[in-house]
Amino acid sequence: MTYNKITSWFLAISMFMFGILKFVNPFKGWYSVQITNSGLGQLSYAMGILGEIAVGLTLFLCLINKQKIPTKAYYQLTNISFFIIIVMMLTGVYVHLHPNVHSDVLPLKIKPPYIPIFFLLIAFSNIILNIQLITHKTNKK
């Protein structure tokens, strides 16, 4: 398997699971405190959950049905998903760095934003790889 395929599956599974976990305590409580203490507002609460689940499902559908989806549509959908992950992870970095959000409500109780930066870098690298693949396929024709 290629790096892009492995990381796309990793992001699909992770995003979907993180979205689902936000319905279950203690993750639900931690997430609620993160949103409240960072001042993002209640709309952010629902958008974060729905965004993670939607991105996860979109990546799942793209990866499972890659042969049935036109190449251009596949790369557009996956790149949009990766871009949304970047936006969500930038929000995660903000939450981690916010002084009112304490480490006891963060994933693995780690205050520095290592986890969101890690996911952000994977999503960014996948966008770059997708662009290279599209360019390579276009130049080959």
N, C-alpha and C. Protein backbone atom coordinates (compact mmCIF):
# COMPACT_ATOMS: atom_id res chain seq x y z
N MET A 1 0.84 -1.19 0.00
CA MET A 1 0.00 0.00 0.00
C MET A 1 0.88 1.24 0.00
N THR A 2 0.40 2.28 -0.62
CA THR A 2 1.16 3.52 -0.68
C THR A 2 0.91 4.36 0.57
N TYR A 3 1.81 5.32 0.78
CA TYR A 3 1.68 6.24 1.91
C TYR A 3 0.31 6.93 1.87
N ASN A 4 -0.06 7.42 0.70
CA ASN A 4 -1.31 8.16 0.55
C ASN A 4 -2.52 7.30 0.92
N LYS A 5 -2.52 6.06 0.50
CA LYS A 5 -3.64 5.17 0.79
C LYS A 5 -3.70 4.85 2.29
N ILE A 6 -2.54 4.56 2.89
CA ILE A 6 -2.49 4.24 4.31
C ILE A 6 -2.94 5.43 5.15
N THR A 7 -2.42 6.61 4.83
CA THR A 7 -2.78 7.79 5.63
C THR A 7 -4.23 8.21 5.39
N SER A 8 -4.74 7.98 4.19
CA SER A 8 -6.15 8.30 3.93
C SER A 8 -7.06 7.40 4.77
N TRP A 9 -6.73 6.11 4.83
CA TRP A 9 -7.50 5.19 5.68
C TRP A 9 -7.36 5.58 7.15
N PHE A 10 -6.16 5.93 7.56
CA PHE A 10 -5.93 6.34 8.95
C PHE A 10 -6.79 7.56 9.29
N LEU A 11 -6.80 8.55 8.41
CA LEU A 11 -7.60 9.75 8.65
C LEU A 11 -9.10 9.43 8.63
N ALA A 12 -9.53 8.58 7.71
CA ALA A 12 -10.95 8.21 7.64
C ALA A 12 -11.40 7.56 8.94
N ILE A 13 -10.65 6.57 9.39
CA ILE A 13 -11.01 5.85 10.61
C ILE A 13 -10.94 6.78 11.82
N SER A 14 -9.86 7.54 11.92
CA SER A 14 -9.66 8.42 13.08
C SER A 14 -10.73 9.49 13.17
N MET A 15 -10.98 10.18 12.06
CA MET A 15 -11.97 11.26 12.09
C MET A 15 -13.36 10.72 12.45
N PHE A 16 -13.73 9.62 11.81
CA PHE A 16 -15.04 9.04 12.09
C PHE A 16 -15.15 8.63 13.57
N MET A 17 -14.14 7.96 14.07
CA MET A 17 -14.17 7.50 15.47
C MET A 17 -14.15 8.67 16.46
N PHE A 18 -13.34 9.69 16.18
CA PHE A 18 -13.32 10.86 17.08
C PHE A 18 -14.67 11.55 17.10
N GLY A 19 -15.34 11.61 15.95
CA GLY A 19 -16.68 12.20 15.90
C GLY A 19 -17.68 11.39 16.71
N ILE A 20 -17.64 10.07 16.57
CA ILE A 20 -18.56 9.19 17.31
C ILE A 20 -18.27 9.22 18.81
N LEU A 21 -16.99 9.25 19.18
CA LEU A 21 -16.64 9.26 20.60
C LEU A 21 -17.16 10.48 21.34
N LYS A 22 -17.43 11.55 20.61
CA LYS A 22 -17.93 12.77 21.24
C LYS A 22 -19.38 12.64 21.70
N PHE A 23 -20.01 11.51 21.42
CA PHE A 23 -21.36 11.22 21.93
C PHE A 23 -21.31 10.41 23.23
N VAL A 24 -20.11 9.97 23.63
CA VAL A 24 -19.95 9.06 24.76
C VAL A 24 -19.08 9.71 25.84
N ASN A 25 -19.51 9.59 27.09
CA ASN A 25 -18.67 10.09 28.19
C ASN A 25 -17.51 9.15 28.42
N PRO A 26 -16.37 9.64 28.79
CA PRO A 26 -16.03 10.99 29.22
C PRO A 26 -15.70 11.94 28.08
N PHE A 27 -15.57 11.44 26.84
CA PHE A 27 -15.19 12.29 25.71
C PHE A 27 -16.19 13.41 25.47
N LYS A 28 -17.48 13.11 25.64
CA LYS A 28 -18.53 14.12 25.46
C LYS A 28 -18.34 15.28 26.42
N GLY A 29 -18.06 14.97 27.67
CA GLY A 29 -17.84 16.00 28.68
C GLY A 29 -16.58 16.81 28.41
N TRP A 30 -15.52 16.12 28.06
CA TRP A 30 -14.25 16.82 27.76
C TRP A 30 -14.43 17.78 26.59
N TYR A 31 -15.08 17.29 25.53
CA TYR A 31 -15.28 18.10 24.34
C TYR A 31 -16.15 19.32 24.66
N SER A 32 -17.19 19.13 25.46
CA SER A 32 -18.06 20.23 25.85
C SER A 32 -17.27 21.31 26.61
N VAL A 33 -16.42 20.88 27.53
CA VAL A 33 -15.60 21.82 28.30
C VAL A 33 -14.62 22.54 27.37
N GLN A 34 -14.03 21.82 26.44
CA GLN A 34 -13.09 22.43 25.49
C GLN A 34 -13.77 23.57 24.72
N ILE A 35 -14.96 23.29 24.19
CA ILE A 35 -15.69 24.28 23.39
C ILE A 35 -16.09 25.47 24.26
N THR A 36 -16.62 25.19 25.43
CA THR A 36 -17.07 26.26 26.33
C THR A 36 -15.90 27.12 26.78
N ASN A 37 -14.83 26.49 27.26
CA ASN A 37 -13.71 27.26 27.81
C ASN A 37 -12.90 28.00 26.75
N SER A 38 -12.94 27.53 25.51
CA SER A 38 -12.20 28.22 24.46
C SER A 38 -13.00 29.36 23.84
N GLY A 39 -14.28 29.47 24.19
CA GLY A 39 -15.12 30.55 23.69
C GLY A 39 -15.54 30.39 22.24
N LEU A 40 -15.55 29.18 21.74
CA LEU A 40 -15.91 28.96 20.34
C LEU A 40 -17.42 29.02 20.08
N GLY A 41 -18.24 28.85 21.10
CA GLY A 41 -19.69 28.92 20.91
C GLY A 41 -20.30 27.55 20.65
N GLN A 42 -21.59 27.45 20.92
CA GLN A 42 -22.29 26.17 20.83
C GLN A 42 -22.41 25.64 19.40
N LEU A 43 -22.43 26.52 18.41
CA LEU A 43 -22.48 26.06 17.02
C LEU A 43 -21.23 25.24 16.70
N SER A 44 -20.10 25.62 17.28
CA SER A 44 -18.85 24.88 17.07
C SER A 44 -18.94 23.47 17.61
N TYR A 45 -19.72 23.28 18.65
CA TYR A 45 -19.88 21.96 19.25
C TYR A 45 -20.44 20.98 18.21
N ALA A 46 -21.55 21.35 17.60
CA ALA A 46 -22.18 20.48 16.60
C ALA A 46 -21.35 20.39 15.33
N MET A 47 -20.78 21.50 14.89
CA MET A 47 -19.99 21.51 13.67
C MET A 47 -18.76 20.60 13.78
N GLY A 48 -18.14 20.58 14.96
CA GLY A 48 -16.97 19.72 15.16
C GLY A 48 -17.32 18.26 15.03
N ILE A 49 -18.41 17.87 15.69
CA ILE A 49 -18.84 16.47 15.64
C ILE A 49 -19.27 16.08 14.23
N LEU A 50 -20.16 16.87 13.65
CA LEU A 50 -20.66 16.56 12.30
C LEU A 50 -19.54 16.61 11.27
N GLY A 51 -18.62 17.55 11.43
CA GLY A 51 -17.49 17.65 10.50
C GLY A 51 -16.62 16.41 10.53
N GLU A 52 -16.29 15.94 11.73
CA GLU A 52 -15.45 14.74 11.84
C GLU A 52 -16.14 13.50 11.26
N ILE A 53 -17.40 13.35 11.58
CA ILE A 53 -18.14 12.19 11.06
C ILE A 53 -18.29 12.28 9.54
N ALA A 54 -18.64 13.46 9.03
CA ALA A 54 -18.83 13.63 7.58
C ALA A 54 -17.53 13.40 6.81
N VAL A 55 -16.43 13.95 7.32
CA VAL A 55 -15.14 13.76 6.65
C VAL A 55 -14.74 12.29 6.67
N GLY A 56 -14.92 11.66 7.82
CA GLY A 56 -14.60 10.23 7.92
C GLY A 56 -15.41 9.40 6.94
N LEU A 57 -16.71 9.65 6.88
CA LEU A 57 -17.57 8.90 5.96
C LEU A 57 -17.23 9.19 4.50
N THR A 58 -16.94 10.44 4.18
CA THR A 58 -16.57 10.80 2.81
C THR A 58 -15.31 10.07 2.38
N LEU A 59 -14.31 10.07 3.26
CA LEU A 59 -13.07 9.36 2.93
C LEU A 59 -13.32 7.85 2.81
N PHE A 60 -14.13 7.29 3.71
CA PHE A 60 -14.48 5.86 3.61
C PHE A 60 -15.10 5.57 2.24
N LEU A 61 -16.10 6.35 1.87
CA LEU A 61 -16.80 6.11 0.61
C LEU A 61 -15.86 6.25 -0.59
N CYS A 62 -14.99 7.25 -0.54
CA CYS A 62 -14.03 7.43 -1.64
C CYS A 62 -13.07 6.25 -1.72
N LEU A 63 -12.56 5.82 -0.59
CA LEU A 63 -11.57 4.74 -0.59
C LEU A 63 -12.19 3.40 -0.99
N ILE A 64 -13.39 3.15 -0.52
CA ILE A 64 -14.05 1.88 -0.83
C ILE A 64 -14.49 1.83 -2.30
N ASN A 65 -14.93 2.97 -2.82
CA ASN A 65 -15.48 3.02 -4.18
C ASN A 65 -14.55 3.70 -5.17
N LYS A 66 -13.27 3.70 -4.92
CA LYS A 66 -12.32 4.43 -5.78
C LYS A 66 -12.45 4.04 -7.25
N GLN A 67 -12.65 2.78 -7.53
CA GLN A 67 -12.73 2.31 -8.92
C GLN A 67 -14.02 2.77 -9.60
N LYS A 68 -15.05 3.06 -8.82
CA LYS A 68 -16.34 3.46 -9.39
C LYS A 68 -16.48 4.97 -9.54
N ILE A 69 -15.61 5.73 -8.87
CA ILE A 69 -15.69 7.19 -8.89
C ILE A 69 -14.74 7.71 -9.97
N PRO A 70 -15.19 8.67 -10.77
CA PRO A 70 -14.26 9.27 -11.74
C PRO A 70 -13.03 9.84 -11.01
N THR A 71 -11.88 9.71 -11.62
CA THR A 71 -10.62 10.12 -10.99
C THR A 71 -10.66 11.55 -10.49
N LYS A 72 -11.16 12.46 -11.32
CA LYS A 72 -11.22 13.88 -10.94
C LYS A 72 -12.09 14.07 -9.70
N ALA A 73 -13.23 13.41 -9.67
CA ALA A 73 -14.14 13.53 -8.52
C ALA A 73 -13.50 12.95 -7.27
N TYR A 74 -12.79 11.82 -7.42
CA TYR A 74 -12.11 11.20 -6.27
C TYR A 74 -11.12 12.18 -5.65
N TYR A 75 -10.27 12.78 -6.47
CA TYR A 75 -9.27 13.70 -5.95
C TYR A 75 -9.89 14.97 -5.39
N GLN A 76 -10.97 15.44 -6.01
CA GLN A 76 -11.65 16.63 -5.47
C GLN A 76 -12.25 16.34 -4.10
N LEU A 77 -12.96 15.21 -3.99
CA LEU A 77 -13.58 14.87 -2.70
C LEU A 77 -12.55 14.63 -1.60
N THR A 78 -11.48 13.91 -1.95
CA THR A 78 -10.47 13.65 -0.91
C THR A 78 -9.73 14.93 -0.55
N ASN A 79 -9.42 15.78 -1.51
CA ASN A 79 -8.73 17.03 -1.18
C ASN A 79 -9.61 17.96 -0.35
N ILE A 80 -10.90 18.01 -0.65
CA ILE A 80 -11.82 18.81 0.17
C ILE A 80 -11.85 18.25 1.59
N SER A 81 -11.90 16.93 1.71
CA SER A 81 -11.90 16.30 3.04
C SER A 81 -10.62 16.62 3.79
N PHE A 82 -9.48 16.54 3.11
CA PHE A 82 -8.21 16.84 3.77
C PHE A 82 -8.15 18.32 4.17
N PHE A 83 -8.68 19.21 3.33
CA PHE A 83 -8.70 20.63 3.67
C PHE A 83 -9.57 20.88 4.90
N ILE A 84 -10.71 20.22 4.98
CA ILE A 84 -11.59 20.36 6.15
C ILE A 84 -10.89 19.84 7.40
N ILE A 85 -10.14 18.75 7.27
CA ILE A 85 -9.37 18.24 8.41
C ILE A 85 -8.36 19.29 8.86
N ILE A 86 -7.70 19.94 7.91
CA ILE A 86 -6.73 20.99 8.26
C ILE A 86 -7.41 22.10 9.04
N VAL A 87 -8.57 22.54 8.59
CA VAL A 87 -9.31 23.60 9.30
C VAL A 87 -9.69 23.13 10.71
N MET A 88 -10.18 21.89 10.82
CA MET A 88 -10.55 21.37 12.15
C MET A 88 -9.32 21.26 13.05
N MET A 89 -8.20 20.86 12.50
CA MET A 89 -6.99 20.71 13.31
C MET A 89 -6.39 22.06 13.70
N LEU A 90 -6.54 23.07 12.84
CA LEU A 90 -6.14 24.43 13.23
C LEU A 90 -6.99 24.90 14.41
N THR A 91 -8.27 24.56 14.38
CA THR A 91 -9.15 24.86 15.51
C THR A 91 -8.69 24.10 16.74
N GLY A 92 -8.28 22.84 16.55
CA GLY A 92 -7.75 22.04 17.66
C GLY A 92 -6.49 22.65 18.25
N VAL A 93 -5.62 23.19 17.41
CA VAL A 93 -4.41 23.86 17.89
C VAL A 93 -4.81 25.06 18.74
N TYR A 94 -5.78 25.83 18.24
CA TYR A 94 -6.28 26.99 19.00
C TYR A 94 -6.79 26.56 20.37
N VAL A 95 -7.59 25.50 20.41
CA VAL A 95 -8.16 25.02 21.67
C VAL A 95 -7.04 24.58 22.62
N HIS A 96 -6.07 23.85 22.10
CA HIS A 96 -4.96 23.39 22.94
C HIS A 96 -4.18 24.56 23.53
N LEU A 97 -4.01 25.61 22.75
CA LEU A 97 -3.21 26.75 23.20
C LEU A 97 -3.99 27.75 24.02
N HIS A 98 -5.31 27.63 24.04
CA HIS A 98 -6.15 28.58 24.78
C HIS A 98 -5.87 28.44 26.28
N PRO A 99 -5.62 29.56 26.95
CA PRO A 99 -5.27 29.49 28.38
C PRO A 99 -6.39 28.97 29.28
N ASN A 100 -7.65 29.07 28.87
CA ASN A 100 -8.76 28.60 29.71
C ASN A 100 -9.06 27.10 29.55
N VAL A 101 -8.39 26.46 28.59
CA VAL A 101 -8.60 25.02 28.38
C VAL A 101 -7.44 24.29 29.04
N HIS A 102 -7.78 23.53 30.08
CA HIS A 102 -6.75 22.83 30.86
C HIS A 102 -6.48 21.45 30.28
N SER A 103 -5.31 20.94 30.54
CA SER A 103 -4.88 19.67 29.95
C SER A 103 -5.75 18.48 30.36
N ASP A 104 -6.44 18.57 31.48
CA ASP A 104 -7.26 17.43 31.93
C ASP A 104 -8.47 17.16 31.03
N VAL A 105 -8.82 18.09 30.12
CA VAL A 105 -9.94 17.85 29.19
C VAL A 105 -9.45 17.66 27.75
N LEU A 106 -8.15 17.50 27.57
CA LEU A 106 -7.57 17.32 26.24
C LEU A 106 -7.20 15.86 26.01
N PRO A 107 -7.12 15.45 24.73
CA PRO A 107 -6.73 14.06 24.44
C PRO A 107 -5.36 13.73 25.05
N LEU A 108 -5.27 12.63 25.71
CA LEU A 108 -4.07 12.15 26.36
C LEU A 108 -3.53 13.12 27.42
N LYS A 109 -4.34 14.11 27.77
CA LYS A 109 -3.99 15.10 28.81
C LYS A 109 -2.73 15.88 28.45
N ILE A 110 -2.49 16.09 27.15
CA ILE A 110 -1.30 16.78 26.67
C ILE A 110 -1.68 18.19 26.23
N LYS A 111 -1.12 19.21 26.87
CA LYS A 111 -1.44 20.60 26.54
C LYS A 111 -0.83 21.05 25.20
N PRO A 112 0.45 20.74 24.91
CA PRO A 112 0.95 21.15 23.58
C PRO A 112 0.15 20.46 22.47
N PRO A 113 -0.11 21.16 21.37
CA PRO A 113 -1.00 20.62 20.33
C PRO A 113 -0.34 19.61 19.39
N TYR A 114 0.33 18.62 19.94
CA TYR A 114 1.02 17.61 19.12
C TYR A 114 0.04 16.82 18.25
N ILE A 115 -1.08 16.39 18.83
CA ILE A 115 -2.03 15.55 18.10
C ILE A 115 -2.67 16.31 16.93
N PRO A 116 -3.23 17.52 17.15
CA PRO A 116 -3.80 18.22 16.00
C PRO A 116 -2.76 18.56 14.93
N ILE A 117 -1.55 18.90 15.33
CA ILE A 117 -0.51 19.21 14.34
C ILE A 117 -0.15 17.96 13.54
N PHE A 118 -0.10 16.81 14.21
CA PHE A 118 0.18 15.55 13.53
C PHE A 118 -0.88 15.27 12.45
N PHE A 119 -2.15 15.39 12.80
CA PHE A 119 -3.23 15.15 11.84
C PHE A 119 -3.21 16.20 10.73
N LEU A 120 -2.93 17.43 11.08
CA LEU A 120 -2.86 18.51 10.10
C LEU A 120 -1.76 18.21 9.08
N LEU A 121 -0.60 17.77 9.53
CA LEU A 121 0.51 17.48 8.63
C LEU A 121 0.19 16.30 7.71
N ILE A 122 -0.47 15.30 8.24
CA ILE A 122 -0.86 14.16 7.39
C ILE A 122 -1.83 14.62 6.30
N ALA A 123 -2.85 15.39 6.69
CA ALA A 123 -3.82 15.87 5.70
C ALA A 123 -3.15 16.76 4.66
N PHE A 124 -2.25 17.63 5.09
CA PHE A 124 -1.54 18.52 4.16
C PHE A 124 -0.67 17.71 3.20
N SER A 125 0.03 16.72 3.74
CA SER A 125 0.89 15.89 2.87
C SER A 125 0.05 15.12 1.85
N ASN A 126 -1.14 14.70 2.23
CA ASN A 126 -2.01 13.99 1.28
C ASN A 126 -2.51 14.91 0.18
N ILE A 127 -2.77 16.17 0.51
CA ILE A 127 -3.16 17.13 -0.54
C ILE A 127 -2.01 17.30 -1.53
N ILE A 128 -0.80 17.47 -1.01
CA ILE A 128 0.37 17.63 -1.88
C ILE A 128 0.55 16.39 -2.77
N LEU A 129 0.44 15.21 -2.18
CA LEU A 129 0.57 13.98 -2.96
C LEU A 129 -0.52 13.85 -4.02
N ASN A 130 -1.75 14.21 -3.66
CA ASN A 130 -2.84 14.16 -4.64
C ASN A 130 -2.57 15.11 -5.80
N ILE A 131 -2.09 16.30 -5.50
CA ILE A 131 -1.79 17.26 -6.56
C ILE A 131 -0.69 16.71 -7.46
N GLN A 132 0.33 16.10 -6.87
CA GLN A 132 1.41 15.50 -7.67
C GLN A 132 0.88 14.37 -8.54
N LEU A 133 0.01 13.53 -7.98
CA LEU A 133 -0.57 12.43 -8.77
C LEU A 133 -1.41 12.95 -9.92
N ILE A 134 -2.21 13.97 -9.66
CA ILE A 134 -3.06 14.56 -10.72
C ILE A 134 -2.17 15.15 -11.81
N THR A 135 -1.14 15.88 -11.40
CA THR A 135 -0.23 16.51 -12.35
C THR A 135 0.49 15.45 -13.18
N HIS A 136 0.93 14.40 -12.52
CA HIS A 136 1.63 13.31 -13.22
C HIS A 136 0.71 12.62 -14.23
N LYS A 137 -0.54 12.36 -13.83
CA LYS A 137 -1.49 11.72 -14.74
C LYS A 137 -1.84 12.62 -15.91
N THR A 138 -1.96 13.93 -15.65
CA THR A 138 -2.28 14.89 -16.71
C THR A 138 -1.13 15.00 -17.70
N ASN A 139 0.11 15.03 -17.21
CA ASN A 139 1.28 15.14 -18.08
C ASN A 139 1.53 13.88 -18.89
N LYS A 140 1.06 12.75 -18.37
CA LYS A 140 1.25 11.46 -19.04
C LYS A 140 0.38 11.35 -20.29
N LYS A 141 -0.76 12.04 -20.30
CA LYS A 141 -1.72 11.94 -21.41
C LYS A 141 -1.23 12.62 -22.64
